Structure formats: C-alpha cells, structure tokens
Protein backbone atom coordinates (compact mmCIF):
# COMPACT_ATOMS: atom_id res chain seq x y z
CA UNK A 1 -14.37 23.84 6.44
CA UNK A 2 -11.25 21.95 6.87
CA UNK A 3 -10.24 18.54 4.64
CA UNK A 4 -10.93 16.44 7.95
CA UNK A 5 -14.40 18.01 8.57
CA UNK A 6 -15.21 16.93 5.19
CA UNK A 7 -14.10 13.38 5.41
CA UNK A 8 -16.05 13.30 8.78
CA UNK A 9 -18.90 14.39 7.17
CA UNK A 10 -18.58 12.23 4.13
CA UNK A 11 -18.43 9.21 7.05
CA UNK A 12 -21.86 10.55 8.50
CA UNK A 13 -23.40 10.23 5.31
CA UNK A 14 -22.36 6.31 4.86
CA UNK A 15 -23.37 6.08 8.18
CA UNK A 16 -27.20 7.45 7.27
CA UNK A 17 -27.01 4.71 4.66
CA UNK A 18 -26.24 1.93 6.38
CA UNK A 19 -28.98 -0.34 7.92
CA UNK A 20 -29.57 -3.05 10.07
CA UNK A 21 -31.54 -4.72 7.42
CA UNK A 22 -29.47 -4.19 4.46
CA UNK A 23 -28.39 -6.83 1.72
CA UNK A 24 -24.93 -7.80 1.68
CA UNK A 25 -23.63 -5.86 -1.43
CA UNK A 26 -24.54 -2.90 -0.38
CA UNK A 27 -22.99 -3.80 3.17
CA UNK A 28 -19.86 -3.99 1.10
CA UNK A 29 -20.35 -1.48 -1.09
CA UNK A 30 -20.48 0.84 2.19
CA UNK A 31 -18.27 -0.76 4.17
CA UNK A 32 -15.86 -0.49 0.96
CA UNK A 33 -16.70 3.62 1.07
CA UNK A 34 -16.20 3.82 4.58
CA UNK A 35 -12.68 1.94 4.91
CA UNK A 36 -11.44 4.38 1.71
CA UNK A 37 -12.54 7.09 3.79
CA UNK A 38 -10.43 6.09 6.83
CA UNK A 39 -7.69 4.97 4.91
CA UNK A 40 -6.98 8.53 3.86
CA UNK A 41 -6.73 9.97 6.96
CA UNK A 42 -5.15 6.76 8.64
CA UNK A 43 -2.42 7.24 6.21
CA UNK A 44 -1.90 10.99 6.69
CA UNK A 45 -3.19 12.08 3.34
CA UNK A 46 -5.76 14.55 3.93
CA UNK A 47 -3.94 17.24 2.40
CA UNK A 48 -2.80 14.89 -1.08
CA UNK A 49 -6.33 14.47 -1.00
CA UNK A 50 -7.56 17.73 -1.01
CA UNK A 51 -5.22 18.39 -3.76
CA UNK A 52 -6.34 16.13 -5.68
CA UNK A 53 -9.60 17.17 -5.64
CA UNK A 54 -8.57 20.53 -6.30
CA UNK A 55 -7.01 19.61 -9.44
CA UNK A 56 -10.62 17.63 -10.58
CA UNK A 57 -12.08 20.94 -10.09
CA UNK A 58 -9.83 22.30 -12.51
CA UNK A 59 -10.84 20.33 -15.12
CA UNK A 60 -8.56 17.15 -14.94
CA UNK A 61 -11.21 14.79 -14.43
CA UNK A 62 -10.32 11.04 -12.95
CA UNK A 63 -11.47 7.78 -14.70
CA UNK A 64 -11.32 4.02 -12.83
CA UNK A 65 -8.60 2.37 -14.75
CA UNK A 66 -9.72 -1.23 -16.69
CA UNK A 67 -8.33 -2.70 -13.82
CA UNK A 68 -9.69 -0.79 -10.89
CA UNK A 69 -11.17 -3.30 -8.09
CA UNK A 70 -14.80 -4.21 -8.69
CA UNK A 71 -15.77 -3.40 -5.49
CA UNK A 72 -14.10 -0.20 -5.73
CA UNK A 73 -16.03 0.07 -8.93
CA UNK A 74 -19.66 -0.96 -7.46
CA UNK A 75 -18.82 1.68 -4.59
CA UNK A 76 -18.34 4.53 -6.76
CA UNK A 77 -21.84 3.91 -8.52
CA UNK A 78 -23.50 3.51 -5.85
CA UNK A 79 -22.70 6.97 -5.17
CA UNK A 80 -23.11 8.49 -8.33
CA UNK A 81 -26.61 6.94 -8.43
CA UNK A 82 -26.94 8.81 -4.94
CA UNK A 83 -26.09 11.94 -6.30
CA UNK A 84 -28.42 11.67 -9.55
CA UNK A 85 -31.32 10.65 -6.75
CA UNK A 86 -30.76 13.19 -3.73
CA UNK A 87 -32.78 16.25 -2.98
CA UNK A 88 -30.08 17.78 -0.90
CA UNK A 89 -27.76 19.90 -2.47
CA UNK A 90 -25.28 19.03 0.79
CA UNK A 91 -25.68 15.08 0.16
CA UNK A 92 -24.45 15.36 -3.59
CA UNK A 93 -21.81 16.78 -2.52
CA UNK A 94 -20.52 14.53 0.18
CA UNK A 95 -21.42 11.75 -2.03
CA UNK A 96 -19.08 13.56 -4.63
CA UNK A 97 -15.89 13.23 -2.02
CA UNK A 98 -16.63 9.41 -1.58
CA UNK A 99 -16.64 9.01 -5.27
CA UNK A 100 -13.33 11.44 -5.29
CA UNK A 101 -11.99 9.15 -2.58
CA UNK A 102 -12.39 5.76 -4.54
CA UNK A 103 -10.85 7.29 -7.46
CA UNK A 104 -7.83 8.78 -5.86
CA UNK A 105 -6.93 5.55 -4.17
CA UNK A 106 -7.44 4.25 -7.76
CA UNK A 107 -5.55 6.66 -9.62
CA UNK A 108 -2.43 6.94 -7.32
CA UNK A 109 -2.10 3.33 -7.41
CA UNK A 110 -2.36 2.66 -3.62
CA UNK A 111 -5.64 -0.39 -4.30
CA UNK A 112 -3.06 -2.98 -2.65
CA UNK A 113 -2.49 -1.37 -0.15
CA UNK A 114 -6.15 -0.27 0.65
CA UNK A 115 -7.40 -3.57 0.11
CA UNK A 116 -4.58 -4.62 2.89
CA UNK A 117 -5.73 -2.23 5.06
CA UNK A 118 -9.31 -3.55 4.91
CA UNK A 119 -8.37 -6.66 5.75
CA UNK A 120 -6.59 -5.46 8.79
CA UNK A 121 -10.02 -3.66 9.81
CA UNK A 122 -11.86 -6.69 9.21
CA UNK A 123 -9.30 -8.73 11.48
CA UNK A 124 -9.28 -5.94 14.15
CA UNK A 125 -5.56 -5.42 14.12
CA UNK A 126 -3.63 -2.84 15.87
CA UNK A 127 -4.30 0.32 14.53
CA UNK A 128 -1.24 1.38 11.75
CA UNK A 129 1.21 3.44 12.19
CA UNK A 130 3.68 5.01 9.54
CA UNK A 131 6.61 5.28 11.53
CA UNK A 132 8.07 4.08 14.87
CA UNK A 133 10.87 5.82 16.78
CA UNK A 134 12.68 4.73 20.11
CA UNK A 135 12.96 8.39 21.68
CA UNK A 136 10.81 11.47 21.24
CA UNK A 137 14.09 13.38 19.66
CA UNK A 138 14.31 11.05 16.74
CA UNK A 139 10.45 11.46 15.88
CA UNK A 140 10.50 15.65 16.28
CA UNK A 141 13.60 15.14 14.10
CA UNK A 142 12.17 12.78 11.17
CA UNK A 143 9.19 15.32 11.52
CA UNK A 144 11.26 18.63 11.12
CA UNK A 145 12.91 17.21 8.51
CA UNK A 146 10.23 15.82 6.37
CA UNK A 147 8.67 17.92 3.63
CA UNK A 148 5.46 16.79 3.84
CA UNK A 149 4.39 14.99 7.04
CA UNK A 150 1.22 12.22 6.88
CA UNK A 151 -1.04 14.88 8.67
CA UNK A 152 -3.09 13.17 10.87
CA UNK A 153 -1.34 9.53 10.19
CA UNK A 154 -0.45 7.68 13.85
CA UNK A 155 3.00 6.99 14.88
CA UNK A 156 5.38 4.96 17.64
CA UNK A 157 7.36 6.51 20.36
CA UNK A 158 8.69 4.81 22.93
CA UNK A 159 5.61 2.04 22.25
CA UNK A 160 3.18 4.92 22.55
CA UNK A 161 0.79 5.94 20.03
CA UNK A 162 1.03 9.88 18.77
CA UNK A 163 -0.70 11.80 15.92
CA UNK A 164 1.31 13.47 13.70
CA UNK A 165 -0.23 17.25 13.56
CA UNK A 166 0.76 19.41 10.30
CA UNK A 167 -0.55 23.42 9.68
CA UNK A 168 0.66 23.56 5.99
CA UNK A 169 -0.58 26.66 5.81
CA UNK A 170 1.76 27.73 8.83
CA UNK A 171 4.21 24.48 8.52
CA UNK A 172 3.48 23.97 12.51
CA UNK A 173 4.45 20.50 13.12
CA UNK A 174 3.71 18.48 16.53
CA UNK A 175 3.30 15.04 18.02
CA UNK A 176 0.16 15.40 20.08
CA UNK A 177 0.15 12.11 22.64
CA UNK A 178 -2.70 10.06 21.09
CA UNK A 179 -5.59 7.68 23.09
CA UNK A 180 -5.73 5.10 20.07
CA UNK A 181 -4.18 2.47 21.62
CA UNK A 182 -6.03 2.78 25.31
CA UNK A 183 -9.07 2.82 22.87
CA UNK A 184 -8.03 -0.28 20.81
CA UNK A 185 -7.29 -2.32 24.13
CA UNK A 186 -10.10 -1.73 25.77
CA UNK A 187 -12.27 -2.65 22.50
CA UNK A 188 -9.89 -5.79 21.61
CA UNK A 189 -10.70 -6.89 25.70
CA UNK A 190 -14.34 -6.68 25.31
CA UNK A 191 -14.80 -8.55 22.24
CA UNK A 192 -11.76 -10.97 22.59
CA UNK A 193 -11.22 -11.55 26.40
CA UNK A 194 -7.83 -12.43 27.03
CA UNK A 195 -6.72 -15.91 26.17
CA UNK A 196 -2.98 -15.94 26.78
CA UNK A 197 -0.82 -17.99 24.34
CA UNK A 198 2.52 -17.95 26.16
CA UNK A 199 3.76 -16.93 29.57
CA UNK A 200 7.00 -15.19 30.76
CA UNK A 201 9.06 -14.36 33.94
CA UNK A 202 9.81 -11.04 32.37
CA UNK A 203 9.64 -8.29 29.52
CA UNK A 204 12.85 -9.33 28.83
CA UNK A 205 11.99 -13.19 28.09
CA UNK A 206 8.90 -11.94 26.31
CA UNK A 207 10.83 -9.59 24.10
CA UNK A 208 13.36 -12.62 23.00
CA UNK A 209 10.16 -14.55 22.25
CA UNK A 210 8.20 -12.17 20.04
CA UNK A 211 11.74 -10.56 18.08
CA UNK A 212 12.21 -14.73 17.52
CA UNK A 213 9.08 -15.42 15.91
CA UNK A 214 9.60 -15.89 12.22
CA UNK A 215 6.14 -15.25 11.36
CA UNK A 216 5.27 -12.73 14.15
CA UNK A 217 1.50 -12.84 15.16
CA UNK A 218 -0.55 -9.57 14.50
CA UNK A 219 -1.74 -9.95 17.77
CA UNK A 220 -1.51 -12.34 20.25
CA UNK A 221 -2.35 -12.42 24.10
CA UNK A 222 0.99 -13.16 26.49
CA UNK A 223 1.06 -12.67 30.25
CA UNK A 224 4.47 -11.39 31.34
CA UNK A 225 4.59 -11.39 35.48
CA UNK A 226 0.97 -12.43 35.66
CA UNK A 227 0.06 -9.12 33.53
CA UNK A 228 -2.23 -9.32 30.43
CA UNK A 229 0.16 -7.46 27.45
CA UNK A 230 -0.88 -7.79 23.77
CA UNK A 231 1.90 -8.74 21.29
CA UNK A 232 2.01 -7.26 18.06
CA UNK A 233 3.55 -6.68 14.97
CA UNK A 234 3.53 -3.90 12.65
CA UNK A 235 4.39 -5.15 9.30
CA UNK A 236 4.63 -1.86 7.38
CA UNK A 237 7.43 -0.43 9.69
CA UNK A 238 8.67 -4.22 10.59
CA UNK A 239 8.02 -3.02 13.89
CA UNK A 240 7.27 -5.82 17.16
CA UNK A 241 5.73 -4.22 20.33
CA UNK A 242 4.17 -5.25 23.37
CA UNK A 243 1.56 -3.33 24.10
CA UNK A 244 0.36 -3.96 28.37
CA UNK A 245 -3.81 -4.04 28.91
CA UNK A 246 -3.47 -1.90 31.95
CA UNK A 247 -2.91 1.10 29.35
CA UNK A 248 -6.75 0.28 29.03
CA UNK A 249 -7.52 0.42 32.81
CA UNK A 250 -10.71 3.11 32.94
CA UNK A 251 -11.24 3.58 29.32
CA UNK A 252 -15.09 2.85 28.65
CA UNK A 253 -16.02 2.32 24.74
CA UNK A 254 -19.06 3.93 23.09
CA UNK A 255 -20.78 0.81 21.62
CA UNK A 256 -23.69 3.40 20.38
CA UNK A 257 -22.02 4.36 17.50
CA UNK A 258 -22.70 3.22 13.71
CA UNK A 259 -20.62 1.31 11.75
CA UNK A 260 -20.46 3.77 8.65
CA UNK A 261 -19.70 6.41 11.08
CA UNK A 262 -16.24 8.96 12.06
C-alpha cells in the first residue's frame, strides 16, 4: 500500500466517525484531522510524511510541543483514545496515521501554514497551488531540476491546473492535467451562484483591473464580454488569474460524499 493509499484510508476513518448529530467539539476535532491529511497531500508532502513515520518507527518518538495549537492537541488526544478503545487492528493503525500526521505538522514547524490552509478550506477558496508557470517548458524545467518534487501537489501551467506526479523509486516525473479546477468551479457555481462584482468588454481590461487591485480578492465573479469568469488570487505564489466558468460545463458534482471522507 502506498502512502497515498494510507492517507486516503485514514480519511475514510475520519468519515466513519463523522455524524450528522455530533457536538461542535467533535466536529472541530474531526475537521482538524480531515484537514491535516488533505494538507499533507495538497502541499506535496506524502513522501516527506512517509519518511517521518519511518523515523518514528525506528525509535524516535514525537511529542507535541508546548506551543502546539490546542485543537491539534485535542485531535491527537481523541485518536489516542480511539486507538486504546478500538477492537479493530486496522482502525488502530489508521488512528496512528492521523496522530502521526498531527505530530508531523507540529514538529516540522508547519502549524501556521496549516491554519492558513484550514481557513482556505473553510472559506471555499480555490484549490491551493505550489507554483505557477506561463509555459509547459518552464514547468518541465522546474520539475526536472527539483531535488524532491512535491508529489501530488497542484501547479498552474498557462492558467490550467496540473498535478505533480513523482515516483521516487524510478525518479519518474510527470505533469498530467488535473480537473480540480473544473470540479471547484462547478461546486462553487452550485453553492454560490455567480453575482458579478464588475463587468468588462475584453479580457485585457479585466486583467488590467485585477492586476491593479492592491488587495486582490481571493475569489470574485466578474463578467467579460457577457461571459462569467472567476477572478482569483493565489497568495502563496502571488498569482492572479481569471478562470472562465465555462470550464465547468457538463461537470457533475457528487453531493453524496461524507464531510470527513477523501
């Protein structure tokens, strides 16, 4: 089983404990566990996390620091209790994956970035990207020369999402196109029907407007020549983009997925 399979299965464990009728405290704890597993994949760190777990198994136990975010501490305590009470060996193993994930972001100094990422998820901001390139040639050169590519993270190439696929056993490096943006646009249109904050005659006018914003919107609907676009700012790569809503045409949203599942 690959580390991605393990992370996905751990997401399933969170989903099994997510209930329609649950306390706000349990919702926060399970949401924290869900988000930390997503964060590890979205930031391209599955292999780094796998190496971290191997070091733990080699006899280097991890401890939460005194400054650890309280929610992270409570989430770790919840899954420690689950490990002690569960009769399922696999469930105990997956609970340990979640505990290790919580310790991982703490011990690697990523708590602040994780909190920012959780806020991005809560406010339904566009999927995070770790880099942006104007051309595929630029992206391929970056990937070819990267000492440890961010496996499974998203990047932008000419305004379209691609996934960084890296197999460190073979050193295989690929940039397959992703439909993450299409899914996001379709979901956003369903949850937040477009109400344009500005209208433009041409794409160039819209790009000039977006470039001139001192505090660009993380996301805002605009109209360009009568067509709906999403104006987006990706702060971690300082990139501004205009995504046509037409990309989501024909894309169906599965509304049956549980909040805690992958």
